[in-house]
Protein backbone atom coordinates (compact mmCIF):
# COMPACT_ATOMS: atom_id res chain seq x y z
CA UNK A 1 11.32 19.68 2.04
CA UNK A 2 12.24 18.60 5.59
CA UNK A 3 10.97 20.26 8.73
CA UNK A 4 13.67 21.65 10.96
CA UNK A 5 14.05 19.43 14.00
CA UNK A 6 14.87 21.22 17.24
CA UNK A 7 16.39 19.13 20.00
CA UNK A 8 16.57 20.47 23.55
CA UNK A 9 20.08 19.53 24.81
CA UNK A 10 19.10 19.54 28.50
CA UNK A 11 16.11 17.28 27.91
CA UNK A 12 18.18 15.07 25.64
CA UNK A 13 20.72 14.55 28.42
CA UNK A 14 17.98 13.69 30.93
CA UNK A 15 16.41 11.28 28.45
CA UNK A 16 19.77 9.66 27.73
CA UNK A 17 20.34 9.05 31.45
CA UNK A 18 16.85 7.56 31.70
CA UNK A 19 17.42 5.32 28.66
CA UNK A 20 20.75 4.14 30.05
CA UNK A 21 19.10 3.27 33.37
CA UNK A 22 16.34 1.34 31.59
CA UNK A 23 18.84 -0.54 29.44
CA UNK A 24 20.85 -1.64 32.44
CA UNK A 25 17.65 -3.12 33.91
CA UNK A 26 16.78 -4.89 30.65
CA UNK A 27 20.24 -6.41 30.13
CA UNK A 28 19.49 -9.21 32.55
CA UNK A 29 16.36 -10.37 30.70
CA UNK A 30 16.79 -13.48 28.53
CA UNK A 31 14.77 -12.04 25.61
CA UNK A 32 17.03 -8.99 25.62
CA UNK A 33 20.17 -11.10 25.24
CA UNK A 34 18.83 -12.86 22.13
CA UNK A 35 17.29 -9.78 20.47
CA UNK A 36 18.84 -7.89 17.55
CA UNK A 37 19.77 -4.25 18.00
CA UNK A 38 16.60 -3.10 16.23
CA UNK A 39 14.43 -5.39 18.39
CA UNK A 40 16.08 -4.00 21.53
CA UNK A 41 15.16 -0.46 20.55
CA UNK A 42 11.61 -1.51 19.72
CA UNK A 43 11.34 -3.14 23.16
CA UNK A 44 12.81 -0.03 24.75
CA UNK A 45 10.35 2.32 23.04
CA UNK A 46 7.46 0.03 24.02
CA UNK A 47 8.56 0.23 27.66
CA UNK A 48 8.62 4.01 27.49
CA UNK A 49 5.16 4.00 25.95
CA UNK A 50 3.85 1.65 28.67
CA UNK A 51 5.28 3.93 31.37
CA UNK A 52 3.92 6.98 29.52
CA UNK A 53 7.45 8.42 29.39
CA UNK A 54 8.23 10.85 26.61
CA UNK A 55 11.69 10.67 25.06
CA UNK A 56 11.05 12.76 21.97
CA UNK A 57 14.51 14.32 21.86
CA UNK A 58 16.26 10.98 22.20
CA UNK A 59 13.94 9.22 19.77
CA UNK A 60 14.78 11.58 16.87
CA UNK A 61 18.47 10.65 16.53
CA UNK A 62 17.72 6.95 17.07
CA UNK A 63 15.10 6.95 14.30
CA UNK A 64 17.51 8.83 12.03
CA UNK A 65 20.28 6.32 12.65
CA UNK A 66 18.05 3.33 11.93
CA UNK A 67 16.67 4.78 8.71
CA UNK A 68 20.21 4.93 7.27
CA UNK A 69 21.38 1.72 5.62
CA UNK A 70 24.32 0.09 7.35
CA UNK A 71 25.98 -0.80 4.08
CA UNK A 72 25.91 0.11 0.41
CA UNK A 73 25.83 -3.55 -0.65
CA UNK A 74 22.27 -3.45 -2.11
CA UNK A 75 23.19 -0.46 -4.27
CA UNK A 76 26.43 -2.13 -5.36
CA UNK A 77 24.49 -5.26 -6.33
CA UNK A 78 22.08 -3.17 -8.41
CA UNK A 79 24.95 -1.53 -10.29
CA UNK A 80 26.58 -4.92 -10.90
CA UNK A 81 23.29 -6.29 -12.21
CA UNK A 82 22.85 -3.27 -14.45
CA UNK A 83 26.39 -3.59 -15.83
CA UNK A 84 25.84 -7.28 -16.63
CA UNK A 85 22.55 -6.53 -18.40
CA UNK A 86 23.60 -3.37 -20.19
CA UNK A 87 26.77 -4.73 -21.77
CA UNK A 88 28.35 -3.73 -25.08
CA UNK A 89 26.27 -6.41 -26.81
CA UNK A 90 23.08 -4.87 -25.44
CA UNK A 91 24.00 -1.19 -25.54
CA UNK A 92 20.98 -0.40 -27.68
CA UNK A 93 18.62 -1.45 -24.92
CA UNK A 94 16.40 1.43 -23.80
CA UNK A 95 16.95 2.86 -20.35
CA UNK A 96 13.35 2.07 -19.33
CA UNK A 97 13.91 -1.60 -20.26
CA UNK A 98 17.07 -1.78 -18.16
CA UNK A 99 15.18 -0.17 -15.27
CA UNK A 100 12.36 -2.70 -15.60
CA UNK A 101 14.80 -5.62 -15.71
CA UNK A 102 16.67 -4.38 -12.62
CA UNK A 103 13.40 -3.86 -10.77
CA UNK A 104 12.30 -7.41 -11.57
CA UNK A 105 15.70 -8.84 -10.73
CA UNK A 106 16.00 -6.94 -7.43
CA UNK A 107 12.51 -7.69 -6.17
CA UNK A 108 12.17 -11.38 -6.87
CA UNK A 109 13.92 -14.51 -5.67
CA UNK A 110 12.73 -16.56 -8.63
CA UNK A 111 15.04 -18.12 -11.15
CA UNK A 112 14.52 -16.92 -14.73
CA UNK A 113 12.50 -20.04 -15.61
CA UNK A 114 10.30 -19.75 -12.50
CA UNK A 115 9.74 -16.04 -13.11
CA UNK A 116 8.76 -16.74 -16.72
CA UNK A 117 6.32 -19.47 -15.62
CA UNK A 118 4.77 -17.17 -13.02
CA UNK A 119 4.23 -14.37 -15.54
CA UNK A 120 3.00 -16.60 -18.35
CA UNK A 121 0.42 -18.23 -16.05
CA UNK A 122 -1.01 -14.88 -14.88
CA UNK A 123 -3.44 -13.92 -17.66
CA UNK A 124 -4.57 -10.66 -15.99
CA UNK A 125 -0.98 -9.50 -15.71
CA UNK A 126 -0.31 -10.31 -19.37
CA UNK A 127 -3.40 -8.36 -20.45
CA UNK A 128 -2.21 -5.31 -18.48
CA UNK A 129 1.27 -5.54 -19.98
CA UNK A 130 -0.11 -5.83 -23.51
CA UNK A 131 -2.44 -2.87 -22.97
CA UNK A 132 0.23 -0.53 -21.58
CA UNK A 133 2.84 -1.59 -24.13
CA UNK A 134 1.08 0.33 -26.92
CA UNK A 135 0.99 3.60 -24.97
CA UNK A 136 4.71 3.88 -24.20
């Protein structure tokens, strides 16, 4: 599934020294002080690109680190939402309905009334829902 990533240790060390040198130069800039950690790395990679400097070995672990979530809070919230929806009173609810409810709940910031109004006013959406409902 995943390609094997080979990192050259010697090049990685050289790149790390180069990155450290660049960061020490950037630390004095006002925009650097106010930037988030992710923004700092974006700025750093842009500087390397501008200078046509390749840091492929160093970039791999940094990208890997930033693709990992820093916390499990979103997953915990989803499980809490699911437990509230799929209670003993609603235990007969189909799994696909629970999944649909969690998807709606997790991807919208609307209150229930606002969400209902948004759906009910979208005639094209309602037609699609009514058409697919018969096939499931």
